[in-house]
Amino acid sequence: MADGETVAGVVTVEPTVLETIVRLTVAEVPGVVNVAERDMDRFLGVTGKSVCVEVKDGRVTVDVHVIAGPDQSLLQLGRLVQREVTRAIQQMVGMTVDAVNVYIEDVVYPEDKGLTSAD
């Protein structure tokens, strides 16, 4: 078969693959400490996935929950996450991204900054 020749069949990318792409991409964004684990809200009765991908008519919508590092603009961090996730999905899968919704769940400060809880 020659390069560029069309072959009959279907290529399907499961949403779980897209979730993995999102999770790995977000982990590499400077300023993101981690992808938030949604089960940390169990005591409030809130559970769910930290990365949720919906595909409708070949278009992708992403919800991602992150934990941010300190001393940065959270708005800029959210926008950077949106750009990087969109780029990764378009580059790796070639799908159109309609929205990347970023939820910043927490900001983590290093323990060695002298921050202590009140007695």
Protein backbone atom coordinates (compact mmCIF):
# COMPACT_ATOMS: atom_id res chain seq x y z
CA MET A 1 0.00 0.00 0.00
CA ALA A 2 1.36 3.43 -0.93
CA ASP A 3 1.55 6.36 1.48
CA GLY A 4 -1.57 8.50 1.42
CA GLU A 5 -3.77 5.66 0.17
CA THR A 6 -7.18 5.56 1.81
CA VAL A 7 -8.13 2.43 3.72
CA ALA A 8 -11.69 1.55 4.66
CA GLY A 9 -12.48 1.41 8.35
CA VAL A 10 -13.03 3.53 11.41
CA VAL A 11 -10.58 5.00 13.89
CA THR A 12 -12.15 5.59 17.29
CA VAL A 13 -10.46 7.41 20.16
CA GLU A 14 -12.17 6.62 23.45
CA PRO A 15 -12.86 9.46 25.91
CA THR A 16 -10.59 7.74 28.45
CA VAL A 17 -7.68 8.26 26.05
CA LEU A 18 -8.54 11.95 25.85
CA GLU A 19 -8.69 12.05 29.66
CA THR A 20 -5.18 10.60 29.79
CA ILE A 21 -3.93 13.20 27.30
CA VAL A 22 -5.48 15.96 29.43
CA ARG A 23 -4.08 14.59 32.69
CA LEU A 24 -0.53 14.24 31.30
CA THR A 25 -0.64 17.65 29.63
CA VAL A 26 -1.89 19.45 32.74
CA ALA A 27 0.79 17.77 34.87
CA GLU A 28 3.43 19.46 32.68
CA VAL A 29 1.98 22.98 32.95
CA PRO A 30 4.23 25.22 35.08
CA GLY A 31 2.35 26.30 38.19
CA VAL A 32 0.13 23.24 38.40
CA VAL A 33 1.03 21.16 41.44
CA ASN A 34 -1.31 18.32 40.59
CA VAL A 35 -4.60 17.33 39.06
CA ALA A 36 -7.06 17.52 41.97
CA GLU A 37 -8.47 14.29 43.28
CA ARG A 38 -12.21 14.88 43.42
CA ASP A 39 -12.80 12.26 46.09
CA MET A 40 -11.17 14.67 48.55
CA ASP A 41 -14.63 16.26 48.78
CA ARG A 42 -16.21 13.05 50.10
CA PHE A 43 -17.05 14.61 53.42
CA LEU A 44 -19.24 17.12 51.58
CA GLY A 45 -20.90 14.36 49.61
CA VAL A 46 -19.30 15.57 46.39
CA THR A 47 -17.48 13.04 44.28
CA GLY A 48 -16.56 12.99 40.65
CA LYS A 49 -13.74 12.74 38.20
CA SER A 50 -10.87 15.21 38.28
CA VAL A 51 -10.81 15.11 34.47
CA CYS A 52 -14.02 14.75 32.51
CA VAL A 53 -14.14 14.71 28.72
CA GLU A 54 -17.33 14.88 26.68
CA VAL A 55 -17.31 14.23 22.95
CA LYS A 56 -20.35 15.26 20.95
CA ASP A 57 -20.45 15.31 17.16
CA GLY A 58 -16.66 15.03 17.04
CA ARG A 59 -16.17 18.08 19.26
CA VAL A 60 -14.54 17.97 22.69
CA THR A 61 -15.43 19.66 25.97
CA VAL A 62 -13.07 19.19 28.91
CA ASP A 63 -13.53 19.79 32.64
CA VAL A 64 -10.30 19.62 34.65
CA HIS A 65 -9.77 20.25 38.36
CA VAL A 66 -6.28 21.35 39.40
CA ILE A 67 -4.25 22.29 42.44
CA ALA A 68 -2.10 25.37 41.88
CA GLY A 69 1.22 26.42 43.31
CA PRO A 70 1.58 29.75 45.14
CA ASP A 71 2.66 33.20 44.00
CA GLN A 72 1.07 33.32 40.57
CA SER A 73 -1.95 34.64 38.77
CA LEU A 74 -4.59 31.93 38.94
CA LEU A 75 -6.38 33.47 35.96
CA GLN A 76 -3.21 33.26 33.85
CA LEU A 77 -2.62 29.70 35.06
CA GLY A 78 -6.15 28.71 34.05
CA ARG A 79 -5.69 30.24 30.61
CA LEU A 80 -2.37 28.45 30.16
CA VAL A 81 -4.01 25.13 31.08
CA GLN A 82 -6.76 25.86 28.52
CA ARG A 83 -4.22 26.61 25.77
CA GLU A 84 -2.05 23.58 26.47
CA VAL A 85 -4.95 21.12 26.70
CA THR A 86 -6.45 22.47 23.47
CA ARG A 87 -3.08 22.23 21.70
CA ALA A 88 -2.45 18.67 22.91
CA ILE A 89 -5.85 17.35 21.84
CA GLN A 90 -5.72 19.06 18.45
CA GLN A 91 -2.15 17.91 17.82
CA MET A 92 -2.50 14.31 19.01
CA VAL A 93 -6.05 13.52 17.93
CA GLY A 94 -7.01 16.22 15.45
CA MET A 95 -10.34 16.90 17.16
CA THR A 96 -11.90 20.33 17.63
CA VAL A 97 -11.97 21.54 21.24
CA ASP A 98 -15.05 23.61 22.06
CA ALA A 99 -14.17 24.36 25.69
CA VAL A 100 -11.67 23.61 28.43
CA ASN A 101 -13.19 24.44 31.81
CA VAL A 102 -10.52 24.77 34.50
CA TYR A 103 -11.50 24.52 38.16
CA ILE A 104 -8.76 25.55 40.58
CA GLU A 105 -9.57 23.48 43.65
CA ASP A 106 -6.77 24.62 45.94
CA VAL A 107 -3.48 26.51 46.23
CA VAL A 108 -0.65 24.68 47.95
CA TYR A 109 2.04 26.61 49.82
CA PRO A 110 5.35 25.01 50.78
CA GLU A 111 5.47 24.04 54.44
CA ASP A 112 8.90 25.61 54.89
CA LYS A 113 7.56 29.18 54.44
CA GLY A 114 6.75 29.34 58.13
CA LEU A 115 3.01 29.03 57.67
CA THR A 116 1.47 27.40 60.70
CA SER A 117 -2.06 26.89 61.86
CA ALA A 118 -3.38 28.90 64.78
CA ASP A 119 -3.23 27.20 68.16
